Amino acid sequence: MESRKFGYVRVSAKDQNENRQIESMKEIGIGDRDIFVDKQSGKNFDRENYQLMKRMMRKSDTSLYSLT
């Protein structure tokens, strides 16, 4: 089975815009369905979409992060 690339985008505040980070992920070949976004503090890893991404990944997959 071929490995997949996953992208994770996090912005700290709800009024911050994640669009530029998402576009950067797409430019390097990560598809919409493989980009996960959370809008909350980075103080811990209890973030819904981060946890979902981790559950979907296999050992051969790659994850890329963009955090602000």
PDB file of N, CA and C in Angstrom:
ATOM      1  N   MET A   1       0.845  -1.180   0.000  1.00  0.00           N
ATOM      2  CA  MET A   1       0.000   0.000   0.000  1.00  0.00           C
ATOM      3  C   MET A   1       0.894   1.248   0.000  1.00  0.00           C
ATOM      4  N   GLU A   2       0.527   2.205  -0.814  1.00  0.00           N
ATOM      5  CA  GLU A   2       1.308   3.431  -0.947  1.00  0.00           C
ATOM      6  C   GLU A   2       1.151   4.321   0.280  1.00  0.00           C
ATOM      7  N   SER A   3       2.250   4.982   0.649  1.00  0.00           N
ATOM      8  CA  SER A   3       2.170   5.886   1.802  1.00  0.00           C
ATOM      9  C   SER A   3       1.466   7.180   1.400  1.00  0.00           C
ATOM     10  N   ARG A   4       0.877   7.833   2.381  1.00  0.00           N
ATOM     11  CA  ARG A   4       0.156   9.090   2.171  1.00  0.00           C
ATOM     12  C   ARG A   4       0.839  10.201   2.943  1.00  0.00           C
ATOM     13  N   LYS A   5       0.617  11.426   2.477  1.00  0.00           N
ATOM     14  CA  LYS A   5       1.082  12.608   3.201  1.00  0.00           C
ATOM     15  C   LYS A   5      -0.128  13.260   3.845  1.00  0.00           C
ATOM     16  N   PHE A   6       0.010  13.582   5.110  1.00  0.00           N
ATOM     17  CA  PHE A   6      -1.035  14.272   5.851  1.00  0.00           C
ATOM     18  C   PHE A   6      -0.512  15.643   6.257  1.00  0.00           C
ATOM     19  N   GLY A   7      -1.378  16.633   6.252  1.00  0.00           N
ATOM     20  CA  GLY A   7      -1.018  17.967   6.700  1.00  0.00           C
ATOM     21  C   GLY A   7      -1.835  18.355   7.916  1.00  0.00           C
ATOM     22  N   TYR A   8      -1.171  19.001   8.857  1.00  0.00           N
ATOM     23  CA  TYR A   8      -1.870  19.481  10.049  1.00  0.00           C
ATOM     24  C   TYR A   8      -1.625  20.971  10.183  1.00  0.00           C
ATOM     25  N   VAL A   9      -2.701  21.735  10.287  1.00  0.00           N
ATOM     26  CA  VAL A   9      -2.650  23.187  10.411  1.00  0.00           C
ATOM     27  C   VAL A   9      -3.311  23.566  11.725  1.00  0.00           C
ATOM     28  N   ARG A  10      -2.620  24.425  12.487  1.00  0.00           N
ATOM     29  CA  ARG A  10      -3.220  24.908  13.732  1.00  0.00           C
ATOM     30  C   ARG A  10      -2.986  26.401  13.844  1.00  0.00           C
ATOM     31  N   VAL A  11      -4.038  27.114  14.153  1.00  0.00           N
ATOM     32  CA  VAL A  11      -3.937  28.527  14.505  1.00  0.00           C
ATOM     33  C   VAL A  11      -4.411  28.664  15.942  1.00  0.00           C
ATOM     34  N   SER A  12      -3.768  29.565  16.677  1.00  0.00           N
ATOM     35  CA  SER A  12      -4.039  29.681  18.112  1.00  0.00           C
ATOM     36  C   SER A  12      -5.344  30.379  18.437  1.00  0.00           C
ATOM     37  N   ALA A  13      -5.742  31.298  17.596  1.00  0.00           N
ATOM     38  CA  ALA A  13      -6.941  32.083  17.900  1.00  0.00           C
ATOM     39  C   ALA A  13      -7.980  31.887  16.804  1.00  0.00           C
ATOM     40  N   LYS A  14      -9.227  31.926  17.196  1.00  0.00           N
ATOM     41  CA  LYS A  14     -10.311  31.703  16.237  1.00  0.00           C
ATOM     42  C   LYS A  14     -10.373  32.785  15.159  1.00  0.00           C
ATOM     43  N   ASP A  15      -9.803  33.969  15.437  1.00  0.00           N
ATOM     44  CA  ASP A  15      -9.841  35.036  14.440  1.00  0.00           C
ATOM     45  C   ASP A  15      -8.648  34.985  13.481  1.00  0.00           C
ATOM     46  N   GLN A  16      -7.716  34.061  13.683  1.00  0.00           N
ATOM     47  CA  GLN A  16      -6.603  33.910  12.758  1.00  0.00           C
ATOM     48  C   GLN A  16      -7.067  33.118  11.542  1.00  0.00           C
ATOM     49  N   ASN A  17      -6.437  33.401  10.400  1.00  0.00           N
ATOM     50  CA  ASN A  17      -6.837  32.756   9.151  1.00  0.00           C
ATOM     51  C   ASN A  17      -5.838  31.661   8.784  1.00  0.00           C
ATOM     52  N   GLU A  18      -6.340  30.481   8.550  1.00  0.00           N
ATOM     53  CA  GLU A  18      -5.494  29.333   8.237  1.00  0.00           C
ATOM     54  C   GLU A  18      -5.336  29.092   6.732  1.00  0.00           C
ATOM     55  N   ASN A  19      -5.967  29.909   5.900  1.00  0.00           N
ATOM     56  CA  ASN A  19      -5.983  29.665   4.452  1.00  0.00           C
ATOM     57  C   ASN A  19      -4.598  29.608   3.823  1.00  0.00           C
ATOM     58  N   ARG A  20      -3.693  30.482   4.224  1.00  0.00           N
ATOM     59  CA  ARG A  20      -2.348  30.483   3.642  1.00  0.00           C
ATOM     60  C   ARG A  20      -1.619  29.182   3.962  1.00  0.00           C
ATOM     61  N   GLN A  21      -1.793  28.697   5.185  1.00  0.00           N
ATOM     62  CA  GLN A  21      -1.154  27.442   5.575  1.00  0.00           C
ATOM     63  C   GLN A  21      -1.739  26.265   4.788  1.00  0.00           C
ATOM     64  N   ILE A  22      -3.047  26.274   4.597  1.00  0.00           N
ATOM     65  CA  ILE A  22      -3.699  25.206   3.830  1.00  0.00           C
ATOM     66  C   ILE A  22      -3.202  25.221   2.386  1.00  0.00           C
ATOM     67  N   GLU A  23      -3.097  26.403   1.791  1.00  0.00           N
ATOM     68  CA  GLU A  23      -2.600  26.505   0.417  1.00  0.00           C
ATOM     69  C   GLU A  23      -1.172  25.982   0.311  1.00  0.00           C
ATOM     70  N   SER A  24      -0.341  26.241   1.318  1.00  0.00           N
ATOM     71  CA  SER A  24       1.031  25.718   1.319  1.00  0.00           C
ATOM     72  C   SER A  24       1.037  24.199   1.324  1.00  0.00           C
ATOM     73  N   MET A  25       0.140  23.603   2.076  1.00  0.00           N
ATOM     74  CA  MET A  25       0.033  22.139   2.116  1.00  0.00           C
ATOM     75  C   MET A  25      -0.376  21.598   0.742  1.00  0.00           C
ATOM     76  N   LYS A  26      -1.321  22.260   0.104  1.00  0.00           N
ATOM     77  CA  LYS A  26      -1.779  21.819  -1.219  1.00  0.00           C
ATOM     78  C   LYS A  26      -0.666  21.941  -2.254  1.00  0.00           C
ATOM     79  N   GLU A  27       0.155  22.997  -2.140  1.00  0.00           N
ATOM     80  CA  GLU A  27       1.247  23.212  -3.091  1.00  0.00           C
ATOM     81  C   GLU A  27       2.275  22.086  -3.053  1.00  0.00           C
ATOM     82  N   ILE A  28       2.405  21.416  -1.932  1.00  0.00           N
ATOM     83  CA  ILE A  28       3.368  20.315  -1.844  1.00  0.00           C
ATOM     84  C   ILE A  28       2.693  18.958  -2.037  1.00  0.00           C
ATOM     85  N   GLY A  29       1.459  18.990  -2.521  1.00  0.00           N
ATOM     86  CA  GLY A  29       0.805  17.764  -2.934  1.00  0.00           C
ATOM     87  C   GLY A  29      -0.083  17.075  -1.918  1.00  0.00           C
ATOM     88  N   ILE A  30      -0.462  17.757  -0.861  1.00  0.00           N
ATOM     89  CA  ILE A  30      -1.368  17.161   0.120  1.00  0.00           C
ATOM     90  C   ILE A  30      -2.801  17.495  -0.285  1.00  0.00           C
ATOM     91  N   GLY A  31      -3.627  16.481  -0.422  1.00  0.00           N
ATOM     92  CA  GLY A  31      -5.012  16.662  -0.856  1.00  0.00           C
ATOM     93  C   GLY A  31      -5.899  17.203   0.252  1.00  0.00           C
ATOM     94  N   ASP A  32      -7.015  17.789  -0.146  1.00  0.00           N
ATOM     95  CA  ASP A  32      -7.966  18.368   0.815  1.00  0.00           C
ATOM     96  C   ASP A  32      -8.360  17.383   1.913  1.00  0.00           C
ATOM     97  N   ARG A  33      -8.617  16.137   1.533  1.00  0.00           N
ATOM     98  CA  ARG A  33      -9.088  15.163   2.529  1.00  0.00           C
ATOM     99  C   ARG A  33      -8.018  14.789   3.548  1.00  0.00           C
ATOM    100  N   ASP A  34      -6.753  15.131   3.248  1.00  0.00           N
ATOM    101  CA  ASP A  34      -5.652  14.777   4.137  1.00  0.00           C
ATOM    102  C   ASP A  34      -5.090  15.972   4.895  1.00  0.00           C
ATOM    103  N   ILE A  35      -5.812  17.088   4.891  1.00  0.00           N
ATOM    104  CA  ILE A  35      -5.408  18.275   5.647  1.00  0.00           C
ATOM    105  C   ILE A  35      -6.364  18.433   6.823  1.00  0.00           C
ATOM    106  N   PHE A  36      -5.802  18.527   8.007  1.00  0.00           N
ATOM    107  CA  PHE A  36      -6.581  18.623   9.239  1.00  0.00           C
ATOM    108  C   PHE A  36      -6.296  19.969   9.886  1.00  0.00           C
ATOM    109  N   VAL A  37      -7.348  20.643  10.351  1.00  0.00           N
ATOM    110  CA  VAL A  37      -7.222  21.996  10.890  1.00  0.00           C
ATOM    111  C   VAL A  37      -7.846  22.066  12.276  1.00  0.00           C
ATOM    112  N   ASP A  38      -7.118  22.680  13.207  1.00  0.00           N
ATOM    113  CA  ASP A  38      -7.657  23.001  14.529  1.00  0.00           C
ATOM    114  C   ASP A  38      -7.447  24.480  14.780  1.00  0.00           C
ATOM    115  N   LYS A  39      -8.434  25.108  15.410  1.00  0.00           N
ATOM    116  CA  LYS A  39      -8.336  26.511  15.813  1.00  0.00           C
ATOM    117  C   LYS A  39      -8.420  26.562  17.328  1.00  0.00           C
ATOM    118  N   GLN A  40      -7.284  26.324  17.966  1.00  0.00           N
ATOM    119  CA  GLN A  40      -7.236  26.394  19.420  1.00  0.00           C
ATOM    120  C   GLN A  40      -5.790  26.417  19.877  1.00  0.00           C
ATOM    121  N   SER A  41      -5.602  26.635  21.139  1.00  0.00           N
ATOM    122  CA  SER A  41      -4.284  26.760  21.740  1.00  0.00           C
ATOM    123  C   SER A  41      -3.444  25.511  21.507  1.00  0.00           C
ATOM    124  N   GLY A  42      -2.146  25.707  21.476  1.00  0.00           N
ATOM    125  CA  GLY A  42      -1.225  24.591  21.339  1.00  0.00           C
ATOM    126  C   GLY A  42      -0.690  24.104  22.663  1.00  0.00           C
ATOM    127  N   LYS A  43      -1.364  24.431  23.764  1.00  0.00           N
ATOM    128  CA  LYS A  43      -0.835  24.088  25.092  1.00  0.00           C
ATOM    129  C   LYS A  43      -0.781  22.585  25.343  1.00  0.00           C
ATOM    130  N   ASN A  44      -1.604  21.810  24.622  1.00  0.00           N
ATOM    131  CA  ASN A  44      -1.534  20.353  24.754  1.00  0.00           C
ATOM    132  C   ASN A  44      -1.963  19.716  23.434  1.00  0.00           C
ATOM    133  N   PHE A  45      -1.963  18.406  23.395  1.00  0.00           N
ATOM    134  CA  PHE A  45      -2.294  17.699  22.159  1.00  0.00           C
ATOM    135  C   PHE A  45      -3.724  17.178  22.133  1.00  0.00           C
ATOM    136  N   ASP A  46      -4.572  17.642  23.029  1.00  0.00           N
ATOM    137  CA  ASP A  46      -5.982  17.250  23.046  1.00  0.00           C
ATOM    138  C   ASP A  46      -6.779  18.100  22.066  1.00  0.00           C
ATOM    139  N   ARG A  47      -6.402  18.003  20.808  1.00  0.00           N
ATOM    140  CA  ARG A  47      -7.091  18.752  19.762  1.00  0.00           C
ATOM    141  C   ARG A  47      -7.775  17.747  18.838  1.00  0.00           C
ATOM    142  N   GLU A  48      -9.045  17.966  18.578  1.00  0.00           N
ATOM    143  CA  GLU A  48      -9.891  16.988  17.885  1.00  0.00           C
ATOM    144  C   GLU A  48      -9.305  16.503  16.558  1.00  0.00           C
ATOM    145  N   ASN A  49      -8.973  17.425  15.674  1.00  0.00           N
ATOM    146  CA  ASN A  49      -8.511  17.010  14.350  1.00  0.00           C
ATOM    147  C   ASN A  49      -7.085  16.478  14.359  1.00  0.00           C
ATOM    148  N   TYR A  50      -6.273  16.935  15.292  1.00  0.00           N
ATOM    149  CA  TYR A  50      -4.929  16.366  15.443  1.00  0.00           C
ATOM    150  C   TYR A  50      -5.031  14.896  15.837  1.00  0.00           C
ATOM    151  N   GLN A  51      -5.892  14.599  16.788  1.00  0.00           N
ATOM    152  CA  GLN A  51      -6.080  13.214  17.227  1.00  0.00           C
ATOM    153  C   GLN A  51      -6.660  12.354  16.097  1.00  0.00           C
ATOM    154  N   LEU A  52      -7.591  12.909  15.320  1.00  0.00           N
ATOM    155  CA  LEU A  52      -8.159  12.182  14.188  1.00  0.00           C
ATOM    156  C   LEU A  52      -7.074  11.845  13.165  1.00  0.00           C
ATOM    157  N   MET A  53      -6.222  12.816  12.854  1.00  0.00           N
ATOM    158  CA  MET A  53      -5.139  12.577  11.904  1.00  0.00           C
ATOM    159  C   MET A  53      -4.233  11.455  12.402  1.00  0.00           C
ATOM    160  N   LYS A  54      -3.880  11.488  13.670  1.00  0.00           N
ATOM    161  CA  LYS A  54      -3.014  10.447  14.227  1.00  0.00           C
ATOM    162  C   LYS A  54      -3.645   9.062  14.100  1.00  0.00           C
ATOM    163  N   ARG A  55      -4.941   8.973  14.315  1.00  0.00           N
ATOM    164  CA  ARG A  55      -5.622   7.677  14.210  1.00  0.00           C
ATOM    165  C   ARG A  55      -5.641   7.159  12.773  1.00  0.00           C
ATOM    166  N   MET A  56      -5.691   8.062  11.807  1.00  0.00           N
ATOM    167  CA  MET A  56      -5.764   7.661  10.401  1.00  0.00           C
ATOM    168  C   MET A  56      -4.411   7.253   9.826  1.00  0.00           C
ATOM    169  N   MET A  57      -3.339   7.731  10.427  1.00  0.00           N
ATOM    170  CA  MET A  57      -2.011   7.490   9.870  1.00  0.00           C
ATOM    171  C   MET A  57      -1.526   6.067  10.123  1.00  0.00           C
ATOM    172  N   ARG A  58      -0.738   5.590   9.144  1.00  0.00           N
ATOM    173  CA  ARG A  58      -0.038   4.315   9.285  1.00  0.00           C
ATOM    174  C   ARG A  58       1.450   4.607   9.434  1.00  0.00           C
ATOM    175  N   LYS A  59       2.224   3.618   9.783  1.00  0.00           N
ATOM    176  CA  LYS A  59       3.659   3.815  10.007  1.00  0.00           C
ATOM    177  C   LYS A  59       4.379   4.365   8.789  1.00  0.00           C
ATOM    178  N   SER A  60       3.943   4.023   7.599  1.00  0.00           N
ATOM    179  CA  SER A  60       4.633   4.456   6.380  1.00  0.00           C
ATOM    180  C   SER A  60       4.234   5.862   5.924  1.00  0.00           C
ATOM    181  N   ASP A  61       3.250   6.469   6.563  1.00  0.00           N
ATOM    182  CA  ASP A  61       2.770   7.794   6.169  1.00  0.00           C
ATOM    183  C   ASP A  61       3.662   8.901   6.720  1.00  0.00           C
ATOM    184  N   THR A  62       3.513  10.080   6.143  1.00  0.00           N
ATOM    185  CA  THR A  62       4.275  11.262   6.548  1.00  0.00           C
ATOM    186  C   THR A  62       3.309  12.346   6.998  1.00  0.00           C
ATOM    187  N   SER A  63       3.672  13.039   8.081  1.00  0.00           N
ATOM    188  CA  SER A  63       2.858  14.176   8.525  1.00  0.00           C
ATOM    189  C   SER A  63       3.690  15.444   8.453  1.00  0.00           C
ATOM    190  N   LEU A  64       3.057  16.531   8.013  1.00  0.00           N
ATOM    191  CA  LEU A  64       3.683  17.842   7.925  1.00  0.00           C
ATOM    192  C   LEU A  64       2.839  18.813   8.725  1.00  0.00           C
ATOM    193  N   TYR A  65       3.500  19.704   9.458  1.00  0.00           N
ATOM    194  CA  TYR A  65       2.805  20.603  10.375  1.00  0.00           C
ATOM    195  C   TYR A  65       3.046  22.056   9.996  1.00  0.00           C
ATOM    196  N   SER A  66       2.017  22.869  10.170  1.00  0.00           N
ATOM    197  CA  SER A  66       2.113  24.311  10.023  1.00  0.00           C
ATOM    198  C   SER A  66       1.340  24.923  11.182  1.00  0.00           C
ATOM    199  N   LEU A  67       2.060  25.560  12.095  1.00  0.00           N
ATOM    200  CA  LEU A  67       1.449  26.044  13.333  1.00  0.00           C
ATOM    201  C   LEU A  67       1.684  27.534  13.507  1.00  0.00           C
ATOM    202  N   THR A  68       0.622  28.264  13.908  1.00  0.00           N
ATOM    203  CA  THR A  68       0.800  29.673  14.262  1.00  0.00           C
ATOM    204  C   THR A  68       0.040  29.963  15.526  1.00  0.00           C
TER     205      THR A  68
END
